Amino acid sequence: MSLKIEISDTTARARRKRWSHGVRARLRWTLAAILAVSACAAGAFFVAGAPSVLPWLENLPRAAALIIFALTYLVIAIGKLPGFHLDRAGAALLGASLMVAFGVLSLEDAFRAIDFETITLLLGMMIVVANLRLSGFFRLVGSWAVTRARHPLILLVAVVAVAGSLSAFLVNDTICLVMTPIVLDIVMRLKRDPVPYLLAAAMASNIGSAATITGNPQNMIVGGLSHIRYGAFAAALWPVAAAGLVLVVLFIAIVYRREFLTRERLLTVAPRPARPHTPLVIESVFVTVAMVVFFFAGQPVAKVAIIGGALLLFTRRVKADKVYREIDWPLLVMFAGLFIVVDGAEKTVLTPDIITAVGRLHLDNIPLLSAVTAGLSNLVSNVPAVLVLKPFITGLHDPQRAWLAIAMASTLAGNLTLVGSVANLIVVQRARAHGVNVDFWAYFKVGAPLTLLTITIGVLWLQSGG
């Protein structure tokens, strides 16, 4: 009997394996068919009516640019190419390479398309944040704040305040990376429901990061493209971020009334030893504070960030390779690739007629521009959304206010759904590793109204001249 069961199990596994291979094969053939149809349609569209071979050859780069742009953004939107191991960074790099291979851009033009100021700023901030993380600074601050709460609502406020304030100056994805295990540890030991506190960490991180240029990657791109001064950017958007953090507490407290609207006190638990590397904490914090001072003093943010990061590498306290392992290299690759892909599409596909047609949509209208940005951000992610809007902003009546609206809407739109931002996914994945599940609807019932209200506040504030 046991032999029959074993044979049956083996047969079932073999069938499942064959079925899996069959699905992958069908996906590959489907993708190939889509590529073929897209290529034929685009080619027919661009060469229709061509009286000779010369116009056909002239239209090839334009058709190639459109197809490459569309397929690159398709992979970025779905996160991964079905049946293959091509991720977002790989798609951006492949798209950029194909732009050069098909003659859409020369290699020199591709290099010029990359905004190295933004890449430099992001790299510098990653090095600084890596040092803060390795020193134990985040665990020290997070544990100090959340272990002093004596009521669930105060604990919620502490989580929101720490995640939001740190994300305002440091990259929000990293804040979620370090805050999630801290929050989980405290909440589980207090025997509380971890889900609302995890939602608070993710949503506060997204909203807090809207306050400054260094809060998240899309704001760094906006800062580089718009040349808005750090202080002016912060003055325009910090009130929106502050109001949003208050709303995070309010919405989560209302949705989880039994958890927070109670007279029950929290258990007293001893904080776990943070074990910070004190000299490295002091060094990292000093450099970070100095950088923020220079940011507000009007110094170029990329220059300040890379100098601060380089200074932190000059130390005997931590090996450089540990810092390098903390850097999100695929994100830098994706940025560089997307700059090239968007520039190729802009130079070949965006004719004056198309730009004029888009101009009739009145993107200088802040509510409309915010809605378009929020929609694109949830469709293809916020960084690609910001880049694809770039060609249509420079000709607007008030491009600086338009850029602020894009930064605000693309950031706050990350709270709409569970997959709206990388920060959300980091929280979910780290929570799942600890046996805690944050499902889509638990996030959506708080995130959707929160997103709509915070973007509305942002629109009203920017329209009022804030």
Protein backbone atom coordinates (compact mmCIF):
# COMPACT_ATOMS: atom_id res chain seq x y z
CA MET A 1 0.00 0.00 0.00
CA SER A 2 2.75 2.45 0.97
CA LEU A 3 4.56 1.72 -2.30
CA LYS A 4 1.42 2.58 -4.27
CA ILE A 5 0.99 5.85 -2.36
CA GLU A 6 4.62 6.76 -2.99
CA ILE A 7 4.28 6.01 -6.71
CA SER A 8 1.05 8.03 -6.80
CA ASP A 9 2.71 11.02 -5.11
CA THR A 10 5.64 10.83 -7.51
CA THR A 11 3.26 10.72 -10.49
CA ALA A 12 1.33 13.71 -9.14
CA ARG A 13 4.52 15.69 -8.67
CA ALA A 14 5.62 14.83 -12.21
CA ARG A 15 2.25 15.98 -13.57
CA ARG A 16 2.45 19.23 -11.62
CA LYS A 17 5.97 19.77 -12.92
CA ARG A 18 4.87 19.13 -16.53
CA TRP A 19 1.91 21.45 -16.03
CA SER A 20 4.21 24.15 -14.63
CA HIS A 21 6.58 23.82 -17.57
CA GLY A 22 3.60 23.96 -19.91
CA VAL A 23 2.35 27.18 -18.30
CA ARG A 24 5.80 28.74 -18.59
CA ALA A 25 6.03 27.70 -22.24
CA ARG A 26 2.60 29.18 -22.97
CA LEU A 27 3.61 32.41 -21.23
CA ARG A 28 6.76 32.62 -23.33
CA TRP A 29 4.82 32.00 -26.55
CA THR A 30 2.17 34.53 -25.50
CA LEU A 31 4.83 37.10 -24.77
CA ALA A 32 6.53 36.40 -28.09
CA ALA A 33 3.18 36.81 -29.86
CA ILE A 34 2.57 40.12 -28.09
CA LEU A 35 6.03 41.34 -29.07
CA ALA A 36 5.50 40.28 -32.67
CA VAL A 37 2.07 41.91 -32.92
CA SER A 38 3.34 45.08 -31.24
CA ALA A 39 6.29 45.27 -33.59
CA CYS A 40 4.11 44.71 -36.66
CA ALA A 41 1.48 47.21 -35.52
CA ALA A 42 4.03 49.87 -34.67
CA GLY A 43 5.93 49.30 -37.90
CA ALA A 44 2.75 49.45 -39.96
CA PHE A 45 1.66 52.58 -38.14
CA PHE A 46 4.87 54.47 -38.74
CA VAL A 47 5.54 53.37 -42.31
CA ALA A 48 1.98 53.36 -43.62
CA GLY A 49 1.81 55.25 -46.86
CA ALA A 50 5.59 55.39 -47.28
CA PRO A 51 6.23 55.84 -51.02
CA SER A 52 9.76 54.48 -50.93
CA VAL A 53 12.30 52.61 -48.81
CA LEU A 54 13.95 55.77 -47.46
CA PRO A 55 11.00 56.99 -45.33
CA TRP A 56 10.63 53.42 -44.02
CA LEU A 57 14.25 53.40 -42.87
CA GLU A 58 13.87 56.86 -41.36
CA ASN A 59 10.90 55.69 -39.31
CA LEU A 60 12.65 52.62 -37.91
CA PRO A 61 14.26 54.40 -34.90
CA ARG A 62 10.93 55.99 -33.99
CA ALA A 63 9.08 52.67 -34.15
CA ALA A 64 11.85 50.96 -32.17
CA ALA A 65 11.82 53.71 -29.53
CA LEU A 66 8.06 53.38 -29.05
CA ILE A 67 8.17 49.58 -28.73
CA ILE A 68 11.18 49.61 -26.38
CA PHE A 69 9.60 52.30 -24.21
CA ALA A 70 6.25 50.50 -24.02
CA LEU A 71 7.72 47.08 -23.22
CA THR A 72 10.16 48.49 -20.64
CA TYR A 73 7.33 50.21 -18.79
CA LEU A 74 5.19 47.09 -19.08
CA VAL A 75 7.80 44.98 -17.27
CA ILE A 76 8.27 47.73 -14.67
CA ALA A 77 4.51 47.87 -14.12
CA ILE A 78 4.14 44.12 -13.51
CA GLY A 79 7.46 43.87 -11.65
CA LYS A 80 8.92 40.95 -13.58
CA LEU A 81 8.83 39.45 -17.07
CA PRO A 82 6.59 36.35 -16.96
CA GLY A 83 8.55 33.14 -17.47
CA PHE A 84 11.92 34.88 -17.14
CA HIS A 85 14.11 36.30 -14.37
CA LEU A 86 14.14 39.84 -15.76
CA ASP A 87 13.28 42.29 -12.98
CA ARG A 88 12.66 46.05 -13.08
CA ALA A 89 16.34 46.99 -12.99
CA GLY A 90 17.14 44.47 -15.72
CA ALA A 91 14.25 45.73 -17.85
CA ALA A 92 15.48 49.32 -17.58
CA LEU A 93 19.04 48.29 -18.45
CA LEU A 94 17.87 46.15 -21.38
CA GLY A 95 15.63 48.94 -22.64
CA ALA A 96 18.48 51.46 -22.45
CA SER A 97 20.81 49.08 -24.31
CA LEU A 98 18.24 48.50 -27.05
CA MET A 99 17.78 52.26 -27.49
CA VAL A 100 21.49 52.40 -28.39
CA ALA A 101 21.46 49.15 -30.40
CA PHE A 102 18.60 50.33 -32.66
CA GLY A 103 20.18 53.72 -33.23
CA VAL A 104 17.57 55.67 -31.30
CA LEU A 105 20.40 57.25 -29.28
CA SER A 106 24.13 57.23 -29.76
CA LEU A 107 26.24 55.97 -26.88
CA GLU A 108 27.30 59.54 -26.15
CA ASP A 109 23.67 60.71 -26.11
CA ALA A 110 22.79 57.83 -23.76
CA PHE A 111 25.50 58.92 -21.33
CA ARG A 112 24.27 62.51 -21.50
CA ALA A 113 20.70 61.37 -20.81
CA ILE A 114 21.62 60.03 -17.36
CA ASP A 115 21.06 62.60 -14.62
CA PHE A 116 24.23 61.91 -12.67
CA GLU A 117 23.26 64.54 -10.11
CA THR A 118 20.31 62.40 -9.03
CA ILE A 119 22.38 59.19 -9.09
CA THR A 120 25.07 60.88 -7.00
CA LEU A 121 22.54 62.17 -4.46
CA LEU A 122 20.95 58.75 -4.09
CA LEU A 123 24.30 56.99 -3.73
CA GLY A 124 25.49 59.46 -1.12
CA MET A 125 22.31 59.12 0.92
CA MET A 126 22.51 55.32 0.72
CA ILE A 127 26.04 55.38 2.17
CA VAL A 128 24.96 57.69 5.01
CA VAL A 129 21.88 55.61 5.82
CA ALA A 130 23.97 52.41 5.69
CA ASN A 131 26.31 53.83 8.34
CA LEU A 132 23.38 54.88 10.55
CA ARG A 133 21.92 51.41 10.24
CA LEU A 134 25.16 49.53 10.91
CA SER A 135 25.85 51.73 13.94
CA GLY A 136 22.55 50.70 15.57
CA PHE A 137 21.16 54.26 15.50
CA PHE A 138 17.74 53.31 14.15
CA ARG A 139 17.21 50.52 16.67
CA LEU A 140 18.33 52.84 19.46
CA VAL A 141 15.86 55.59 18.51
CA GLY A 142 13.00 53.23 17.68
CA SER A 143 13.31 51.18 20.85
CA TRP A 144 13.63 54.29 23.01
CA ALA A 145 10.45 55.79 21.59
CA VAL A 146 8.11 52.81 21.48
CA THR A 147 9.06 51.25 24.82
CA ARG A 148 8.02 54.39 26.70
CA ALA A 149 4.40 54.23 25.56
CA ARG A 150 1.91 53.17 28.22
CA HIS A 151 -1.25 53.10 26.09
CA PRO A 152 -1.92 51.57 22.64
CA LEU A 153 -2.79 54.98 21.16
CA ILE A 154 0.45 56.49 22.49
CA LEU A 155 2.36 53.56 21.00
CA LEU A 156 0.68 54.22 17.65
CA VAL A 157 1.64 57.90 17.83
CA ALA A 158 5.23 56.93 18.68
CA VAL A 159 5.49 54.60 15.67
CA VAL A 160 4.05 57.25 13.33
CA ALA A 161 6.25 60.02 14.74
CA VAL A 162 9.49 58.03 14.51
CA ALA A 163 8.83 56.55 11.05
CA GLY A 164 7.54 59.84 9.63
CA SER A 165 10.25 62.12 11.03
CA LEU A 166 13.14 59.83 10.06
CA SER A 167 11.70 59.34 6.56
CA ALA A 168 11.54 63.10 6.08
CA PHE A 169 15.33 63.31 5.81
CA LEU A 170 16.45 59.76 5.07
CA VAL A 171 15.27 57.35 2.37
CA ASN A 172 11.87 55.96 3.42
CA ASP A 173 12.53 52.43 2.15
CA THR A 174 15.41 52.07 4.60
CA ILE A 175 13.31 53.39 7.48
CA CYS A 176 10.73 50.66 6.80
CA LEU A 177 13.50 48.09 6.59
CA VAL A 178 14.80 48.92 10.08
CA MET A 179 11.52 49.92 11.77
CA THR A 180 9.51 46.80 10.90
CA PRO A 181 11.45 44.30 13.09
CA ILE A 182 11.58 46.84 15.94
CA VAL A 183 7.83 47.41 15.87
CA LEU A 184 7.12 43.69 15.54
CA ASP A 185 9.36 42.82 18.47
CA ILE A 186 7.74 45.36 20.80
CA VAL A 187 4.15 44.68 19.74
CA MET A 188 4.45 40.89 19.93
CA ARG A 189 5.98 41.07 23.40
CA LEU A 190 3.12 43.38 24.46
CA LYS A 191 0.66 40.78 23.06
CA ARG A 192 -1.06 43.34 20.78
CA ASP A 193 -2.37 43.01 17.23
CA PRO A 194 0.70 43.84 15.06
CA VAL A 195 -1.19 44.73 11.84
CA PRO A 196 -2.28 48.32 12.67
CA TYR A 197 1.19 49.21 13.92
CA LEU A 198 2.78 47.82 10.76
CA LEU A 199 0.32 49.82 8.65
CA ALA A 200 1.29 52.89 10.64
CA ALA A 201 4.99 52.35 9.99
CA ALA A 202 4.51 51.94 6.23
CA MET A 203 2.03 54.78 5.74
CA ALA A 204 3.86 57.23 8.00
CA SER A 205 7.09 56.44 6.19
CA ASN A 206 5.51 57.23 2.83
CA ILE A 207 3.89 60.45 4.01
CA GLY A 208 6.88 61.69 6.00
CA SER A 209 9.15 61.24 2.99
CA ALA A 210 7.09 63.79 1.04
CA ALA A 211 8.50 66.62 3.16
CA THR A 212 11.99 66.94 1.62
CA ILE A 213 14.03 66.17 -1.47
CA THR A 214 15.98 63.44 0.34
CA GLY A 215 12.89 61.64 1.64
CA ASN A 216 12.53 59.22 -1.27
CA PRO A 217 13.94 58.47 -4.75
CA GLN A 218 11.20 60.22 -6.74
CA ASN A 219 11.69 63.43 -4.77
CA MET A 220 15.40 63.24 -5.56
CA ILE A 221 14.55 63.06 -9.26
CA VAL A 222 12.17 66.00 -8.92
CA GLY A 223 14.84 67.98 -7.09
CA GLY A 224 17.42 67.25 -9.80
CA LEU A 225 15.09 68.05 -12.71
CA SER A 226 13.44 71.12 -11.21
CA HIS A 227 16.46 72.63 -9.39
CA ILE A 228 14.17 73.64 -6.53
CA ARG A 229 16.19 74.56 -3.46
CA TYR A 230 16.04 72.14 -0.55
CA GLY A 231 14.60 74.73 1.83
CA ALA A 232 11.96 75.88 -0.66
CA PHE A 233 10.88 72.28 -1.30
CA ALA A 234 10.60 71.55 2.42
CA ALA A 235 8.72 74.79 3.12
CA ALA A 236 6.19 73.92 0.42
CA LEU A 237 5.50 70.32 1.41
CA TRP A 238 6.26 69.80 5.10
CA PRO A 239 2.79 71.09 6.17
CA VAL A 240 1.19 68.48 3.89
CA ALA A 241 3.37 65.74 5.40
CA ALA A 242 2.62 66.89 8.96
CA ALA A 243 -1.13 66.88 8.30
CA GLY A 244 -0.83 63.45 6.70
CA LEU A 245 0.90 61.96 9.76
CA VAL A 246 -1.93 63.20 11.97
CA LEU A 247 -4.42 61.58 9.60
CA VAL A 248 -2.53 58.26 9.74
CA VAL A 249 -3.09 58.14 13.51
CA LEU A 250 -6.73 59.18 13.14
CA PHE A 251 -7.64 56.71 10.38
CA ILE A 252 -5.92 53.71 11.96
CA ALA A 253 -7.42 54.51 15.37
CA ILE A 254 -10.92 54.65 13.83
CA VAL A 255 -10.56 51.47 11.75
CA TYR A 256 -9.03 49.56 14.70
CA ARG A 257 -11.21 51.04 17.44
CA ARG A 258 -11.00 48.01 19.72
CA GLU A 259 -7.22 48.22 19.74
CA PHE A 260 -6.84 51.94 20.39
CA LEU A 261 -10.06 53.39 21.84
CA THR A 262 -9.73 51.58 25.13
CA ARG A 263 -8.73 52.26 28.71
CA GLU A 264 -6.54 49.19 28.78
CA ARG A 265 -2.91 49.92 29.61
CA LEU A 266 0.06 48.26 27.96
CA LEU A 267 2.12 45.66 29.72
CA THR A 268 5.48 46.74 31.07
CA VAL A 269 8.26 45.07 29.13
CA ALA A 270 11.99 45.57 29.44
CA PRO A 271 13.56 46.89 26.24
CA ARG A 272 15.95 44.55 24.48
CA PRO A 273 19.58 45.70 24.57
CA ALA A 274 20.14 47.88 21.48
CA ARG A 275 23.93 47.32 21.57
CA PRO A 276 24.79 50.36 19.45
CA HIS A 277 28.30 51.04 18.23
CA THR A 278 28.50 54.33 20.13
CA PRO A 279 31.48 55.96 18.33
CA LEU A 280 29.97 55.11 14.93
CA VAL A 281 26.55 56.41 16.07
CA ILE A 282 28.12 59.74 17.07
CA GLU A 283 30.11 59.99 13.85
CA SER A 284 27.15 59.09 11.61
CA VAL A 285 24.71 61.40 13.38
CA PHE A 286 27.19 64.28 13.29
CA VAL A 287 27.71 63.91 9.53
CA THR A 288 23.95 63.55 8.93
CA VAL A 289 23.08 66.68 10.93
CA ALA A 290 25.85 68.62 9.19
CA MET A 291 24.50 67.51 5.81
CA VAL A 292 20.96 68.66 6.66
CA VAL A 293 22.33 72.04 7.76
CA PHE A 294 24.17 72.42 4.44
CA PHE A 295 21.03 71.32 2.56
CA PHE A 296 19.00 74.12 4.13
CA ALA A 297 21.89 76.56 3.65
CA GLY A 298 21.41 76.18 -0.10
CA GLN A 299 24.41 74.02 -0.95
CA PRO A 300 23.92 71.56 -3.88
CA VAL A 301 22.31 68.48 -2.33
CA ALA A 302 24.15 65.96 -4.51
CA LYS A 303 27.51 67.50 -3.66
CA VAL A 304 26.76 67.55 0.07
CA ALA A 305 25.39 63.98 0.08
CA ILE A 306 28.32 62.38 -1.73
CA ILE A 307 30.90 64.25 0.37
CA GLY A 308 29.10 63.20 3.56
CA GLY A 309 28.94 59.59 2.37
CA ALA A 310 32.60 59.58 1.36
CA LEU A 311 33.67 60.98 4.75
CA LEU A 312 31.84 58.16 6.52
CA LEU A 313 33.80 55.62 4.47
CA PHE A 314 36.99 57.07 5.97
CA THR A 315 36.86 55.17 9.26
CA ARG A 316 38.39 52.27 11.19
CA ARG A 317 35.05 51.34 12.80
CA VAL A 318 33.29 49.49 9.97
CA LYS A 319 34.60 47.75 6.86
CA ALA A 320 33.70 49.44 3.59
CA ASP A 321 32.35 46.21 2.07
CA LYS A 322 29.68 46.07 4.81
CA VAL A 323 28.51 49.51 3.72
CA TYR A 324 28.55 48.51 0.04
CA ARG A 325 26.30 45.52 0.81
CA GLU A 326 23.71 47.92 2.21
CA ILE A 327 23.52 49.94 -1.01
CA ASP A 328 20.60 49.22 -3.35
CA TRP A 329 22.65 48.83 -6.54
CA PRO A 330 19.70 47.56 -8.65
CA LEU A 331 17.84 50.80 -7.89
CA LEU A 332 20.77 52.85 -9.22
CA VAL A 333 20.84 50.67 -12.34
CA MET A 334 17.09 51.14 -12.83
CA PHE A 335 17.45 54.92 -12.52
CA ALA A 336 20.24 55.08 -15.10
CA GLY A 337 18.37 52.82 -17.52
CA LEU A 338 15.10 54.72 -17.21
CA PHE A 339 16.79 58.05 -17.87
CA ILE A 340 18.04 56.65 -21.19
CA VAL A 341 14.76 54.95 -22.15
CA VAL A 342 12.69 58.07 -21.44
CA ASP A 343 15.16 60.32 -23.28
CA GLY A 344 15.10 58.04 -26.32
CA ALA A 345 11.30 58.10 -26.42
CA GLU A 346 11.24 61.83 -25.84
CA LYS A 347 13.58 62.61 -28.74
CA THR A 348 11.98 60.31 -31.32
CA VAL A 349 8.33 59.78 -30.36
CA LEU A 350 7.30 63.08 -28.78
CA THR A 351 6.78 65.25 -31.83
CA PRO A 352 5.67 68.89 -31.42
CA ASP A 353 2.13 67.81 -32.36
CA ILE A 354 2.02 65.24 -29.53
CA ILE A 355 3.40 67.72 -27.00
CA THR A 356 0.82 70.28 -28.14
CA ALA A 357 -1.96 67.70 -27.81
CA VAL A 358 -0.89 66.81 -24.28
CA GLY A 359 -0.66 70.53 -23.50
CA ARG A 360 -4.39 70.80 -24.22
CA LEU A 361 -5.01 68.57 -21.19
CA HIS A 362 -4.07 71.57 -19.02
CA LEU A 363 -1.48 69.84 -16.86
CA ASP A 364 -0.80 73.21 -15.26
CA ASN A 365 -4.06 72.55 -13.41
CA ILE A 366 -2.81 71.23 -10.04
CA PRO A 367 -5.78 68.90 -9.29
CA LEU A 368 -5.59 67.32 -12.75
CA LEU A 369 -1.81 66.96 -12.66
CA SER A 370 -1.99 65.41 -9.19
CA ALA A 371 -4.65 62.93 -10.33
CA VAL A 372 -2.63 61.95 -13.42
CA THR A 373 0.53 61.55 -11.32
CA ALA A 374 -1.23 59.44 -8.69
CA GLY A 375 -2.75 57.21 -11.36
CA LEU A 376 0.54 56.72 -13.19
CA SER A 377 2.36 56.07 -9.91
CA ASN A 378 0.05 53.18 -9.11
CA LEU A 379 0.21 51.90 -12.68
CA VAL A 380 3.98 51.87 -13.29
CA SER A 381 5.41 52.92 -9.87
CA ASN A 382 6.32 56.42 -8.76
CA VAL A 383 9.87 56.81 -10.14
CA PRO A 384 8.93 55.82 -13.74
CA ALA A 385 5.82 58.01 -13.46
CA VAL A 386 7.89 61.07 -12.57
CA LEU A 387 10.28 60.46 -15.47
CA VAL A 388 7.53 59.96 -18.05
CA LEU A 389 5.92 63.28 -17.04
CA LYS A 390 9.20 65.19 -17.38
CA PRO A 391 8.82 66.30 -21.06
CA PHE A 392 5.45 67.91 -20.40
CA ILE A 393 6.38 70.05 -17.38
CA THR A 394 9.07 72.40 -18.65
CA GLY A 395 6.66 74.28 -20.93
CA LEU A 396 4.03 74.92 -18.25
CA HIS A 397 3.29 78.39 -16.89
CA ASP A 398 4.59 77.54 -13.38
CA PRO A 399 6.86 74.48 -13.70
CA GLN A 400 8.13 74.73 -10.12
CA ARG A 401 4.64 74.36 -8.64
CA ALA A 402 3.93 71.56 -11.10
CA TRP A 403 7.04 69.69 -9.94
CA LEU A 404 5.96 70.11 -6.31
CA ALA A 405 2.55 68.68 -7.20
CA ILE A 406 4.21 65.71 -8.91
CA ALA A 407 6.47 65.07 -5.91
CA MET A 408 3.52 65.32 -3.52
CA ALA A 409 1.10 63.17 -5.51
CA SER A 410 3.60 60.47 -6.54
CA THR A 411 4.65 60.02 -2.91
CA LEU A 412 1.24 60.10 -1.26
CA ALA A 413 -0.16 57.77 -3.96
CA GLY A 414 2.07 55.07 -2.50
CA ASN A 415 -0.44 54.62 0.31
CA LEU A 416 -3.34 53.70 -2.00
CA THR A 417 -2.68 49.96 -2.13
CA LEU A 418 -0.33 47.40 -0.63
CA VAL A 419 1.78 47.37 -3.81
CA GLY A 420 1.75 51.15 -4.19
CA SER A 421 5.30 51.64 -2.94
CA VAL A 422 8.45 49.65 -2.26
CA ALA A 423 8.24 50.72 1.39
CA ASN A 424 4.91 48.89 1.75
CA LEU A 425 6.32 45.72 0.23
CA ILE A 426 9.32 45.84 2.56
CA VAL A 427 7.02 45.98 5.60
CA VAL A 428 4.85 43.13 4.29
CA GLN A 429 7.80 40.88 3.43
CA ARG A 430 9.61 41.44 6.72
CA ALA A 431 6.38 40.88 8.65
CA ARG A 432 5.68 37.66 6.76
CA ALA A 433 9.15 36.41 7.71
CA HIS A 434 8.03 36.75 11.35
CA GLY A 435 4.73 34.93 10.73
CA VAL A 436 2.54 38.06 10.49
CA ASN A 437 0.32 38.52 7.44
CA VAL A 438 -0.80 41.96 6.25
CA ASP A 439 -3.39 41.34 3.55
CA PHE A 440 -4.45 43.60 0.69
CA TRP A 441 -7.83 44.63 2.10
CA ALA A 442 -6.50 45.36 5.58
CA TYR A 443 -4.19 47.87 3.93
CA PHE A 444 -6.70 49.19 1.39
CA LYS A 445 -9.46 50.11 3.85
CA VAL A 446 -7.07 52.52 5.56
CA GLY A 447 -4.81 53.44 2.64
CA ALA A 448 -7.47 54.36 0.06
CA PRO A 449 -9.30 57.06 2.06
CA LEU A 450 -6.01 58.24 3.53
CA THR A 451 -4.52 58.69 0.05
CA LEU A 452 -7.53 60.56 -1.30
CA LEU A 453 -7.65 62.92 1.67
CA THR A 454 -3.91 63.61 1.87
CA ILE A 455 -3.65 64.33 -1.88
CA THR A 456 -6.67 66.62 -1.59
CA ILE A 457 -4.97 68.49 1.25
CA GLY A 458 -1.79 68.71 -0.82
CA VAL A 459 -3.66 70.08 -3.83
CA LEU A 460 -5.49 72.69 -1.74
CA TRP A 461 -2.26 73.71 -0.03
CA LEU A 462 -0.32 74.11 -3.28
CA GLN A 463 -3.20 76.00 -4.92
CA SER A 464 -3.30 78.41 -1.98
CA GLY A 465 0.33 79.29 -2.63
CA GLY A 466 1.85 77.10 0.09
